[in-house]
């Protein structure tokens, strides 16, 4: 019985490892400058796990936070400090990101 249980555990571990290996992860560097989010449009392929690395380089805009309403994400953007925003796996469509006041925005285009 112990052997069967051991084999089952090993099979589950292998399946989990294979699923993780197949997941595509794309890290996107995003800056907040006087021009807003730079770049403000980026393309990713469906099924991609997206992680944003955001750094605010200016105090002259209202973009002191980033929000992604569709994913229920809201993060503070301290000046000159990189903030990691894990968006998760994206399906086909557009994902909008914006400042907290919704005045400065950009898109992830998933196609």
PDB file of N, CA and C in Angstrom:
ATOM      1  N   UNK A   1       0.822  -1.197   0.000  1.00  0.00           N
ATOM      2  CA  UNK A   1       0.000   0.000   0.000  1.00  0.00           C
ATOM      3  C   UNK A   1       0.868   1.264   0.000  1.00  0.00           C
ATOM      4  N   UNK A   2       1.993   1.194   0.743  1.00  0.00           N
ATOM      5  CA  UNK A   2       2.897   2.345   0.788  1.00  0.00           C
ATOM      6  C   UNK A   2       3.453   2.658  -0.598  1.00  0.00           C
ATOM      7  N   UNK A   3       3.747   1.604  -1.368  1.00  0.00           N
ATOM      8  CA  UNK A   3       4.301   1.808  -2.710  1.00  0.00           C
ATOM      9  C   UNK A   3       3.306   2.511  -3.621  1.00  0.00           C
ATOM     10  N   UNK A   4       2.037   2.130  -3.529  1.00  0.00           N
ATOM     11  CA  UNK A   4       1.003   2.747  -4.363  1.00  0.00           C
ATOM     12  C   UNK A   4       0.868   4.226  -4.000  1.00  0.00           C
ATOM     13  N   UNK A   5       0.859   4.513  -2.717  1.00  0.00           N
ATOM     14  CA  UNK A   5       0.750   5.891  -2.257  1.00  0.00           C
ATOM     15  C   UNK A   5       1.956   6.720  -2.706  1.00  0.00           C
ATOM     16  N   UNK A   6       3.134   6.155  -2.613  1.00  0.00           N
ATOM     17  CA  UNK A   6       4.349   6.839  -3.057  1.00  0.00           C
ATOM     18  C   UNK A   6       4.288   7.133  -4.550  1.00  0.00           C
ATOM     19  N   UNK A   7       3.838   6.163  -5.334  1.00  0.00           N
ATOM     20  CA  UNK A   7       3.724   6.349  -6.780  1.00  0.00           C
ATOM     21  C   UNK A   7       2.718   7.441  -7.098  1.00  0.00           C
ATOM     22  N   UNK A   8       1.580   7.467  -6.404  1.00  0.00           N
ATOM     23  CA  UNK A   8       0.571   8.505  -6.618  1.00  0.00           C
ATOM     24  C   UNK A   8       1.126   9.893  -6.307  1.00  0.00           C
ATOM     25  N   UNK A   9       1.851  10.007  -5.215  1.00  0.00           N
ATOM     26  CA  UNK A   9       2.429  11.298  -4.828  1.00  0.00           C
ATOM     27  C   UNK A   9       3.434  11.757  -5.877  1.00  0.00           C
ATOM     28  N   UNK A  10       4.277  10.856  -6.351  1.00  0.00           N
ATOM     29  CA  UNK A  10       5.259  11.209  -7.377  1.00  0.00           C
ATOM     30  C   UNK A  10       4.577  11.638  -8.677  1.00  0.00           C
ATOM     31  N   UNK A  11       3.496  10.950  -9.042  1.00  0.00           N
ATOM     32  CA  UNK A  11       2.756  11.319 -10.257  1.00  0.00           C
ATOM     33  C   UNK A  11       2.172  12.724 -10.131  1.00  0.00           C
ATOM     34  N   UNK A  12       1.583  13.021  -8.980  1.00  0.00           N
ATOM     35  CA  UNK A  12       1.013  14.351  -8.761  1.00  0.00           C
ATOM     36  C   UNK A  12       2.086  15.434  -8.800  1.00  0.00           C
ATOM     37  N   UNK A  13       3.232  15.146  -8.211  1.00  0.00           N
ATOM     38  CA  UNK A  13       4.328  16.119  -8.227  1.00  0.00           C
ATOM     39  C   UNK A  13       4.806  16.368  -9.653  1.00  0.00           C
ATOM     40  N   UNK A  14       4.882  15.339 -10.459  1.00  0.00           N
ATOM     41  CA  UNK A  14       5.312  15.475 -11.848  1.00  0.00           C
ATOM     42  C   UNK A  14       4.306  16.282 -12.652  1.00  0.00           C
ATOM     43  N   UNK A  15       3.019  16.016 -12.462  1.00  0.00           N
ATOM     44  CA  UNK A  15       1.986  16.761 -13.176  1.00  0.00           C
ATOM     45  C   UNK A  15       2.020  18.239 -12.818  1.00  0.00           C
ATOM     46  N   UNK A  16       2.184  18.531 -11.545  1.00  0.00           N
ATOM     47  CA  UNK A  16       2.254  19.924 -11.086  1.00  0.00           C
ATOM     48  C   UNK A  16       3.480  20.617 -11.673  1.00  0.00           C
ATOM     49  N   UNK A  17       4.610  19.966 -11.670  1.00  0.00           N
ATOM     50  CA  UNK A  17       5.834  20.549 -12.219  1.00  0.00           C
ATOM     51  C   UNK A  17       5.674  20.814 -13.711  1.00  0.00           C
ATOM     52  N   UNK A  18       5.069  19.898 -14.444  1.00  0.00           N
ATOM     53  CA  UNK A  18       4.874  20.090 -15.881  1.00  0.00           C
ATOM     54  C   UNK A  18       3.949  21.263 -16.168  1.00  0.00           C
ATOM     55  N   UNK A  19       2.899  21.432 -15.391  1.00  0.00           N
ATOM     56  CA  UNK A  19       1.967  22.549 -15.596  1.00  0.00           C
ATOM     57  C   UNK A  19       2.692  23.878 -15.385  1.00  0.00           C
ATOM     58  N   UNK A  20       3.538  23.949 -14.362  1.00  0.00           N
ATOM     59  CA  UNK A  20       4.277  25.170 -14.080  1.00  0.00           C
ATOM     60  C   UNK A  20       5.288  25.462 -15.180  1.00  0.00           C
ATOM     61  N   UNK A  21       5.969  24.432 -15.672  1.00  0.00           N
ATOM     62  CA  UNK A  21       6.972  24.617 -16.716  1.00  0.00           C
ATOM     63  C   UNK A  21       6.353  25.162 -17.994  1.00  0.00           C
ATOM     64  N   UNK A  22       5.127  24.775 -18.297  1.00  0.00           N
ATOM     65  CA  UNK A  22       4.480  25.178 -19.534  1.00  0.00           C
ATOM     66  C   UNK A  22       3.926  26.601 -19.472  1.00  0.00           C
ATOM     67  N   UNK A  23       3.743  27.148 -18.280  1.00  0.00           N
ATOM     68  CA  UNK A  23       3.185  28.490 -18.144  1.00  0.00           C
ATOM     69  C   UNK A  23       4.202  29.518 -18.618  1.00  0.00           C
ATOM     70  N   UNK A  24       3.770  30.369 -19.533  1.00  0.00           N
ATOM     71  CA  UNK A  24       4.638  31.423 -20.057  1.00  0.00           C
ATOM     72  C   UNK A  24       4.543  32.626 -19.132  1.00  0.00           C
ATOM     73  N   UNK A  25       5.687  33.129 -18.722  1.00  0.00           N
ATOM     74  CA  UNK A  25       5.712  34.321 -17.871  1.00  0.00           C
ATOM     75  C   UNK A  25       6.397  35.440 -18.636  1.00  0.00           C
ATOM     76  N   UNK A  26       5.743  36.600 -18.678  1.00  0.00           N
ATOM     77  CA  UNK A  26       6.322  37.765 -19.339  1.00  0.00           C
ATOM     78  C   UNK A  26       6.383  38.906 -18.331  1.00  0.00           C
ATOM     79  N   UNK A  27       7.578  39.421 -18.133  1.00  0.00           N
ATOM     80  CA  UNK A  27       7.773  40.570 -17.258  1.00  0.00           C
ATOM     81  C   UNK A  27       7.881  41.815 -18.127  1.00  0.00           C
ATOM     82  N   UNK A  28       7.104  42.819 -17.782  1.00  0.00           N
ATOM     83  CA  UNK A  28       7.074  44.064 -18.543  1.00  0.00           C
ATOM     84  C   UNK A  28       7.513  45.203 -17.630  1.00  0.00           C
ATOM     85  N   UNK A  29       8.504  45.958 -18.086  1.00  0.00           N
ATOM     86  CA  UNK A  29       8.966  47.136 -17.348  1.00  0.00           C
ATOM     87  C   UNK A  29       8.148  48.339 -17.775  1.00  0.00           C
ATOM     88  N   UNK A  30       7.633  49.049 -16.788  1.00  0.00           N
ATOM     89  CA  UNK A  30       6.749  50.177 -17.027  1.00  0.00           C
ATOM     90  C   UNK A  30       7.223  51.336 -16.154  1.00  0.00           C
ATOM     91  N   UNK A  31       7.314  52.524 -16.744  1.00  0.00           N
ATOM     92  CA  UNK A  31       7.718  53.719 -15.994  1.00  0.00           C
ATOM     93  C   UNK A  31       6.569  54.704 -15.939  1.00  0.00           C
ATOM     94  N   UNK A  32       6.574  55.521 -14.899  1.00  0.00           N
ATOM     95  CA  UNK A  32       5.666  56.661 -14.825  1.00  0.00           C
ATOM     96  C   UNK A  32       6.547  57.895 -14.956  1.00  0.00           C
ATOM     97  N   UNK A  33       6.326  58.650 -16.049  1.00  0.00           N
ATOM     98  CA  UNK A  33       7.107  59.865 -16.317  1.00  0.00           C
ATOM     99  C   UNK A  33       6.137  61.032 -16.486  1.00  0.00           C
ATOM    100  N   UNK A  34       6.662  62.169 -16.873  1.00  0.00           N
ATOM    101  CA  UNK A  34       5.823  63.328 -17.143  1.00  0.00           C
ATOM    102  C   UNK A  34       4.828  63.048 -18.270  1.00  0.00           C
ATOM    103  N   UNK A  35       5.134  62.062 -19.105  1.00  0.00           N
ATOM    104  CA  UNK A  35       4.254  61.691 -20.222  1.00  0.00           C
ATOM    105  C   UNK A  35       3.200  60.654 -19.806  1.00  0.00           C
ATOM    106  N   UNK A  36       3.219  60.206 -18.570  1.00  0.00           N
ATOM    107  CA  UNK A  36       2.285  59.183 -18.092  1.00  0.00           C
ATOM    108  C   UNK A  36       2.964  57.833 -18.009  1.00  0.00           C
ATOM    109  N   UNK A  37       2.192  56.773 -18.243  1.00  0.00           N
ATOM    110  CA  UNK A  37       2.758  55.429 -18.246  1.00  0.00           C
ATOM    111  C   UNK A  37       3.526  55.224 -19.550  1.00  0.00           C
ATOM    112  N   UNK A  38       4.767  54.758 -19.434  1.00  0.00           N
ATOM    113  CA  UNK A  38       5.617  54.535 -20.608  1.00  0.00           C
ATOM    114  C   UNK A  38       6.195  53.132 -20.527  1.00  0.00           C
ATOM    115  N   UNK A  39       5.893  52.271 -21.503  1.00  0.00           N
ATOM    116  CA  UNK A  39       4.971  52.452 -22.615  1.00  0.00           C
ATOM    117  C   UNK A  39       3.534  52.391 -22.116  1.00  0.00           C
ATOM    118  N   UNK A  40       2.608  52.934 -22.900  1.00  0.00           N
ATOM    119  CA  UNK A  40       1.205  52.908 -22.465  1.00  0.00           C
ATOM    120  C   UNK A  40       0.383  51.854 -23.210  1.00  0.00           C
ATOM    121  N   UNK A  41       1.011  51.162 -24.168  1.00  0.00           N
ATOM    122  CA  UNK A  41       0.363  50.034 -24.844  1.00  0.00           C
ATOM    123  C   UNK A  41       1.389  48.935 -25.047  1.00  0.00           C
ATOM    124  N   UNK A  42       1.029  47.732 -24.635  1.00  0.00           N
ATOM    125  CA  UNK A  42       1.912  46.587 -24.785  1.00  0.00           C
ATOM    126  C   UNK A  42       1.093  45.388 -25.229  1.00  0.00           C
ATOM    127  N   UNK A  43       1.695  44.533 -26.027  1.00  0.00           N
ATOM    128  CA  UNK A  43       1.003  43.333 -26.501  1.00  0.00           C
ATOM    129  C   UNK A  43       1.574  42.102 -25.822  1.00  0.00           C
ATOM    130  N   UNK A  44       0.678  41.192 -25.453  1.00  0.00           N
ATOM    131  CA  UNK A  44       1.073  39.887 -24.918  1.00  0.00           C
ATOM    132  C   UNK A  44       0.191  38.824 -25.563  1.00  0.00           C
ATOM    133  N   UNK A  45       0.661  37.598 -25.535  1.00  0.00           N
ATOM    134  CA  UNK A  45      -0.104  36.496 -26.121  1.00  0.00           C
ATOM    135  C   UNK A  45      -1.060  35.921 -25.075  1.00  0.00           C
ATOM    136  N   UNK A  46      -2.228  35.460 -25.500  1.00  0.00           N
ATOM    137  CA  UNK A  46      -3.162  34.824 -24.562  1.00  0.00           C
ATOM    138  C   UNK A  46      -2.503  33.652 -23.848  1.00  0.00           C
ATOM    139  N   UNK A  47      -2.864  33.471 -22.585  1.00  0.00           N
ATOM    140  CA  UNK A  47      -2.299  32.391 -21.784  1.00  0.00           C
ATOM    141  C   UNK A  47      -0.988  32.755 -21.117  1.00  0.00           C
ATOM    142  N   UNK A  48      -0.553  33.992 -21.295  1.00  0.00           N
ATOM    143  CA  UNK A  48       0.707  34.450 -20.707  1.00  0.00           C
ATOM    144  C   UNK A  48       0.464  34.996 -19.303  1.00  0.00           C
ATOM    145  N   UNK A  49       1.322  34.610 -18.382  1.00  0.00           N
ATOM    146  CA  UNK A  49       1.303  35.145 -17.016  1.00  0.00           C
ATOM    147  C   UNK A  49       2.105  36.445 -17.059  1.00  0.00           C
ATOM    148  N   UNK A  50       1.466  37.558 -16.741  1.00  0.00           N
ATOM    149  CA  UNK A  50       2.104  38.871 -16.874  1.00  0.00           C
ATOM    150  C   UNK A  50       2.440  39.449 -15.503  1.00  0.00           C
ATOM    151  N   UNK A  51       3.669  39.933 -15.410  1.00  0.00           N
ATOM    152  CA  UNK A  51       4.134  40.632 -14.216  1.00  0.00           C
ATOM    153  C   UNK A  51       4.644  41.993 -14.661  1.00  0.00           C
ATOM    154  N   UNK A  52       4.088  43.052 -14.078  1.00  0.00           N
ATOM    155  CA  UNK A  52       4.564  44.406 -14.362  1.00  0.00           C
ATOM    156  C   UNK A  52       5.590  44.799 -13.311  1.00  0.00           C
ATOM    157  N   UNK A  53       6.660  45.421 -13.749  1.00  0.00           N
ATOM    158  CA  UNK A  53       7.645  46.031 -12.856  1.00  0.00           C
ATOM    159  C   UNK A  53       7.531  47.523 -13.110  1.00  0.00           C
ATOM    160  N   UNK A  54       6.935  48.241 -12.160  1.00  0.00           N
ATOM    161  CA  UNK A  54       6.604  49.650 -12.361  1.00  0.00           C
ATOM    162  C   UNK A  54       7.490  50.519 -11.476  1.00  0.00           C
ATOM    163  N   UNK A  55       8.028  51.583 -12.080  1.00  0.00           N
ATOM    164  CA  UNK A  55       8.800  52.550 -11.312  1.00  0.00           C
ATOM    165  C   UNK A  55       8.325  53.959 -11.661  1.00  0.00           C
ATOM    166  N   UNK A  56       7.953  54.706 -10.621  1.00  0.00           N
ATOM    167  CA  UNK A  56       7.510  56.098 -10.815  1.00  0.00           C
ATOM    168  C   UNK A  56       8.738  56.991 -10.726  1.00  0.00           C
ATOM    169  N   UNK A  57       8.985  57.751 -11.789  1.00  0.00           N
ATOM    170  CA  UNK A  57      10.183  58.580 -11.882  1.00  0.00           C
ATOM    171  C   UNK A  57       9.906  60.068 -11.749  1.00  0.00           C
ATOM    172  N   UNK A  58       8.662  60.425 -11.458  1.00  0.00           N
ATOM    173  CA  UNK A  58       8.314  61.850 -11.384  1.00  0.00           C
ATOM    174  C   UNK A  58       7.261  62.099 -10.309  1.00  0.00           C
ATOM    175  N   UNK A  59       7.262  63.326  -9.811  1.00  0.00           N
ATOM    176  CA  UNK A  59       6.221  63.781  -8.891  1.00  0.00           C
ATOM    177  C   UNK A  59       5.224  64.692  -9.593  1.00  0.00           C
ATOM    178  N   UNK A  60       5.428  64.929 -10.898  1.00  0.00           N
ATOM    179  CA  UNK A  60       4.621  65.920 -11.596  1.00  0.00           C
ATOM    180  C   UNK A  60       3.352  65.356 -12.260  1.00  0.00           C
ATOM    181  N   UNK A  61       2.934  64.154 -11.880  1.00  0.00           N
ATOM    182  CA  UNK A  61       1.660  63.607 -12.363  1.00  0.00           C
ATOM    183  C   UNK A  61       0.872  63.064 -11.168  1.00  0.00           C
ATOM    184  N   UNK A  62      -0.378  62.726 -11.422  1.00  0.00           N
ATOM    185  CA  UNK A  62      -1.211  62.146 -10.360  1.00  0.00           C
ATOM    186  C   UNK A  62      -1.031  60.629 -10.245  1.00  0.00           C
ATOM    187  N   UNK A  63      -0.158  60.056 -11.060  1.00  0.00           N
ATOM    188  CA  UNK A  63       0.010  58.597 -11.081  1.00  0.00           C
ATOM    189  C   UNK A  63       0.902  58.123  -9.940  1.00  0.00           C
ATOM    190  N   UNK A  64       0.389  58.268  -8.723  1.00  0.00           N
ATOM    191  CA  UNK A  64       1.118  57.780  -7.549  1.00  0.00           C
ATOM    192  C   UNK A  64       0.641  56.389  -7.143  1.00  0.00           C
ATOM    193  N   UNK A  65      -0.329  55.871  -7.896  1.00  0.00           N
ATOM    194  CA  UNK A  65      -0.839  54.509  -7.715  1.00  0.00           C
ATOM    195  C   UNK A  65      -1.122  53.931  -9.094  1.00  0.00           C
ATOM    196  N   UNK A  66      -1.172  52.616  -9.156  1.00  0.00           N
ATOM    197  CA  UNK A  66      -1.629  51.954 -10.370  1.00  0.00           C
ATOM    198  C   UNK A  66      -2.806  51.081  -9.972  1.00  0.00           C
ATOM    199  N   UNK A  67      -3.849  51.140 -10.801  1.00  0.00           N
ATOM    200  CA  UNK A  67      -4.992  50.268 -10.542  1.00  0.00           C
ATOM    201  C   UNK A  67      -5.358  49.543 -11.832  1.00  0.00           C
ATOM    202  N   UNK A  68      -5.743  48.295 -11.647  1.00  0.00           N
ATOM    203  CA  UNK A  68      -6.213  47.462 -12.746  1.00  0.00           C
ATOM    204  C   UNK A  68      -7.558  46.924 -12.280  1.00  0.00           C
ATOM    205  N   UNK A  69      -8.610  47.673 -12.595  1.00  0.00           N
ATOM    206  CA  UNK A  69      -9.948  47.378 -12.072  1.00  0.00           C
ATOM    207  C   UNK A  69     -10.409  45.970 -12.397  1.00  0.00           C
ATOM    208  N   UNK A  70     -10.163  45.537 -13.625  1.00  0.00           N
ATOM    209  CA  UNK A  70     -10.620  44.213 -14.056  1.00  0.00           C
ATOM    210  C   UNK A  70     -10.048  43.090 -13.191  1.00  0.00           C
ATOM    211  N   UNK A  71      -8.845  43.308 -12.668  1.00  0.00           N
ATOM    212  CA  UNK A  71      -8.187  42.298 -11.830  1.00  0.00           C
ATOM    213  C   UNK A  71      -8.269  42.636 -10.337  1.00  0.00           C
ATOM    214  N   UNK A  72      -8.961  43.724 -10.012  1.00  0.00           N
ATOM    215  CA  UNK A  72      -9.101  44.184  -8.627  1.00  0.00           C
ATOM    216  C   UNK A  72      -7.729  44.401  -7.960  1.00  0.00           C
ATOM    217  N   UNK A  73      -6.855  45.054  -8.714  1.00  0.00           N
ATOM    218  CA  UNK A  73      -5.501  45.339  -8.234  1.00  0.00           C
ATOM    219  C   UNK A  73      -5.350  46.845  -8.064  1.00  0.00           C
ATOM    220  N   UNK A  74      -4.754  47.241  -6.947  1.00  0.00           N
ATOM    221  CA  UNK A  74      -4.432  48.649  -6.701  1.00  0.00           C
ATOM    222  C   UNK A  74      -3.160  48.674  -5.853  1.00  0.00           C
ATOM    223  N   UNK A  75      -2.125  49.356  -6.366  1.00  0.00           N
ATOM    224  CA  UNK A  75      -0.856  49.403  -5.644  1.00  0.00           C
ATOM    225  C   UNK A  75      -0.307  50.816  -5.641  1.00  0.00           C
ATOM    226  N   UNK A  76       0.261  51.205  -4.508  1.00  0.00           N
ATOM    227  CA  UNK A  76       0.955  52.485  -4.406  1.00  0.00           C
ATOM    228  C   UNK A  76       2.239  52.430  -5.217  1.00  0.00           C
ATOM    229  N   UNK A  77       2.621  53.575  -5.775  1.00  0.00           N
ATOM    230  CA  UNK A  77       3.861  53.688  -6.539  1.00  0.00           C
ATOM    231  C   UNK A  77       4.752  54.735  -5.887  1.00  0.00           C
ATOM    232  N   UNK A  78       5.555  54.337  -4.906  1.00  0.00           N
ATOM    233  CA  UNK A  78       6.469  55.300  -4.288  1.00  0.00           C
ATOM    234  C   UNK A  78       7.506  55.773  -5.313  1.00  0.00           C
ATOM    235  N   UNK A  79       7.939  56.994  -5.182  1.00  0.00           N
ATOM    236  CA  UNK A  79       8.881  57.573  -6.138  1.00  0.00           C
ATOM    237  C   UNK A  79      10.199  56.792  -6.143  1.00  0.00           C
ATOM    238  N   UNK A  80      10.692  56.492  -7.338  1.00  0.00           N
ATOM    239  CA  UNK A  80      11.987  55.833  -7.562  1.00  0.00           C
ATOM    240  C   UNK A  80      12.139  54.460  -6.907  1.00  0.00           C
ATOM    241  N   UNK A  81      11.027  53.760  -6.686  1.00  0.00           N
ATOM    242  CA  UNK A  81      11.089  52.399  -6.136  1.00  0.00           C
ATOM    243  C   UNK A  81      10.288  51.476  -7.039  1.00  0.00           C
ATOM    244  N   UNK A  82      10.902  50.370  -7.419  1.00  0.00           N
ATOM    245  CA  UNK A  82      10.223  49.418  -8.293  1.00  0.00           C
ATOM    246  C   UNK A  82       9.144  48.667  -7.529  1.00  0.00           C
ATOM    247  N   UNK A  83       7.970  48.588  -8.139  1.00  0.00           N
ATOM    248  CA  UNK A  83       6.828  47.882  -7.555  1.00  0.00           C
ATOM    249  C   UNK A  83       6.460  46.739  -8.503  1.00  0.00           C
ATOM    250  N   UNK A  84       6.312  45.551  -7.961  1.00  0.00           N
ATOM    251  CA  UNK A  84       5.927  44.389  -8.753  1.00  0.00           C
ATOM    252  C   UNK A  84       4.418  44.212  -8.686  1.00  0.00           C
ATOM    253  N   UNK A  85       3.804  44.102  -9.871  1.00  0.00           N
ATOM    254  CA  UNK A  85       2.363  43.911  -9.963  1.00  0.00           C
ATOM    255  C   UNK A  85       2.119  42.618 -10.741  1.00  0.00           C
ATOM    256  N   UNK A  86       1.693  41.577 -10.025  1.00  0.00           N
ATOM    257  CA  UNK A  86       1.419  40.278 -10.651  1.00  0.00           C
ATOM    258  C   UNK A  86      -0.018  40.285 -11.149  1.00  0.00           C
ATOM    259  N   UNK A  87      -0.186  40.332 -12.454  1.00  0.00           N
ATOM    260  CA  UNK A  87      -1.525  40.409 -13.041  1.00  0.00           C
ATOM    261  C   UNK A  87      -2.126  39.020 -13.230  1.00  0.00           C
ATOM    262  N   UNK A  88      -1.281  38.018 -13.353  1.00  0.00           N
ATOM    263  CA  UNK A  88      -1.771  36.654 -13.544  1.00  0.00           C
ATOM    264  C   UNK A  88      -1.809  36.282 -15.018  1.00  0.00           C
ATOM    265  N   UNK A  89      -2.469  35.177 -15.312  1.00  0.00           N
ATOM    266  CA  UNK A  89      -2.573  34.684 -16.688  1.00  0.00           C
ATOM    267  C   UNK A  89      -3.698  35.432 -17.395  1.00  0.00           C
ATOM    268  N   UNK A  90      -3.381  35.944 -18.579  1.00  0.00           N
ATOM    269  CA  UNK A  90      -4.342  36.777 -19.298  1.00  0.00           C
ATOM    270  C   UNK A  90      -4.949  36.048 -20.490  1.00  0.00           C
ATOM    271  N   UNK A  91      -6.219  36.268 -20.677  1.00  0.00           N
ATOM    272  CA  UNK A  91      -6.948  35.740 -21.826  1.00  0.00           C
ATOM    273  C   UNK A  91      -7.109  36.851 -22.852  1.00  0.00           C
ATOM    274  N   UNK A  92      -7.540  36.504 -24.041  1.00  0.00           N
ATOM    275  CA  UNK A  92      -7.668  37.446 -25.155  1.00  0.00           C
ATOM    276  C   UNK A  92      -8.545  38.645 -24.768  1.00  0.00           C
ATOM    277  N   UNK A  93      -8.112  39.838 -25.176  1.00  0.00           N
ATOM    278  CA  UNK A  93      -8.862  41.058 -24.895  1.00  0.00           C
ATOM    279  C   UNK A  93      -7.932  42.197 -24.519  1.00  0.00           C
ATOM    280  N   UNK A  94      -8.477  43.217 -23.873  1.00  0.00           N
ATOM    281  CA  UNK A  94      -7.705  44.375 -23.421  1.00  0.00           C
ATOM    282  C   UNK A  94      -7.792  44.469 -21.906  1.00  0.00           C
ATOM    283  N   UNK A  95      -6.672  44.734 -21.294  1.00  0.00           N
ATOM    284  CA  UNK A  95      -6.621  44.987 -19.857  1.00  0.00           C
ATOM    285  C   UNK A  95      -6.159  46.432 -19.692  1.00  0.00           C
ATOM    286  N   UNK A  96      -6.987  47.245 -19.073  1.00  0.00           N
ATOM    287  CA  UNK A  96      -6.669  48.656 -18.866  1.00  0.00           C
ATOM    288  C   UNK A  96      -6.021  48.839 -17.501  1.00  0.00           C
ATOM    289  N   UNK A  97      -4.988  49.665 -17.448  1.00  0.00           N
ATOM    290  CA  UNK A  97      -4.405  50.079 -16.174  1.00  0.00           C
ATOM    291  C   UNK A  97      -4.426  51.596 -16.136  1.00  0.00           C
ATOM    292  N   UNK A  98      -4.506  52.154 -14.937  1.00  0.00           N
ATOM    293  CA  UNK A  98      -4.654  53.604 -14.806  1.00  0.00           C
ATOM    294  C   UNK A  98      -4.141  54.078 -13.461  1.00  0.00           C
ATOM    295  N   UNK A  99      -4.037  55.395 -13.333  1.00  0.00           N
ATOM    296  CA  UNK A  99      -3.742  55.997 -12.037  1.00  0.00           C
ATOM    297  C   UNK A  99      -5.022  55.923 -11.182  1.00  0.00           C
ATOM    298  N   UNK A 100      -4.905  56.247  -9.928  1.00  0.00           N
ATOM    299  CA  UNK A 100      -6.067  56.153  -9.029  1.00  0.00           C
ATOM    300  C   UNK A 100      -7.190  57.108  -9.433  1.00  0.00           C
ATOM    301  N   UNK A 101      -6.847  58.241 -10.047  1.00  0.00           N
ATOM    302  CA  UNK A 101      -7.855  59.220 -10.468  1.00  0.00           C
ATOM    303  C   UNK A 101      -8.430  58.896 -11.843  1.00  0.00           C
ATOM    304  N   UNK A 102      -7.883  57.872 -12.486  1.00  0.00           N
ATOM    305  CA  UNK A 102      -8.346  57.409 -13.802  1.00  0.00           C
ATOM    306  C   UNK A 102      -8.077  58.422 -14.914  1.00  0.00           C
ATOM    307  N   UNK A 103      -7.074  59.288 -14.715  1.00  0.00           N
ATOM    308  CA  UNK A 103      -6.756  60.316 -15.708  1.00  0.00           C
ATOM    309  C   UNK A 103      -5.631  59.881 -16.643  1.00  0.00           C
ATOM    310  N   UNK A 104      -4.716  59.069 -16.140  1.00  0.00           N
ATOM    311  CA  UNK A 104      -3.581  58.577 -16.922  1.00  0.00           C
ATOM    312  C   UNK A 104      -3.753  57.065 -17.032  1.00  0.00           C
ATOM    313  N   UNK A 105      -3.680  56.547 -18.253  1.00  0.00           N
ATOM    314  CA  UNK A 105      -3.949  55.118 -18.400  1.00  0.00           C
ATOM    315  C   UNK A 105      -3.143  54.504 -19.538  1.00  0.00           C
ATOM    316  N   UNK A 106      -3.256  53.204 -19.638  1.00  0.00           N
ATOM    317  CA  UNK A 106      -2.623  52.441 -20.695  1.00  0.00           C
ATOM    318  C   UNK A 106      -3.326  51.102 -20.831  1.00  0.00           C
ATOM    319  N   UNK A 107      -2.854  50.287 -21.773  1.00  0.00           N
ATOM    320  CA  UNK A 107      -3.503  49.007 -22.050  1.00  0.00           C
ATOM    321  C   UNK A 107      -2.492  47.896 -22.249  1.00  0.00           C
ATOM    322  N   UNK A 108      -2.878  46.722 -21.806  1.00  0.00           N
ATOM    323  CA  UNK A 108      -2.233  45.488 -22.220  1.00  0.00           C
ATOM    324  C   UNK A 108      -3.171  44.886 -23.248  1.00  0.00           C
ATOM    325  N   UNK A 109      -2.684  44.668 -24.444  1.00  0.00           N
ATOM    326  CA  UNK A 109      -3.502  44.100 -25.503  1.00  0.00           C
ATOM    327  C   UNK A 109      -3.127  42.622 -25.614  1.00  0.00           C
ATOM    328  N   UNK A 110      -4.092  41.765 -25.335  1.00  0.00           N
ATOM    329  CA  UNK A 110      -3.844  40.326 -25.338  1.00  0.00           C
ATOM    330  C   UNK A 110      -4.421  39.768 -26.629  1.00  0.00           C
ATOM    331  N   UNK A 111      -3.515  39.411 -27.571  1.00  0.00           N
ATOM    332  CA  UNK A 111      -3.947  38.898 -28.864  1.00  0.00           C
ATOM    333  C   UNK A 111      -3.011  37.851 -29.395  1.00  0.00           C
TER     334      UNK A 111
END
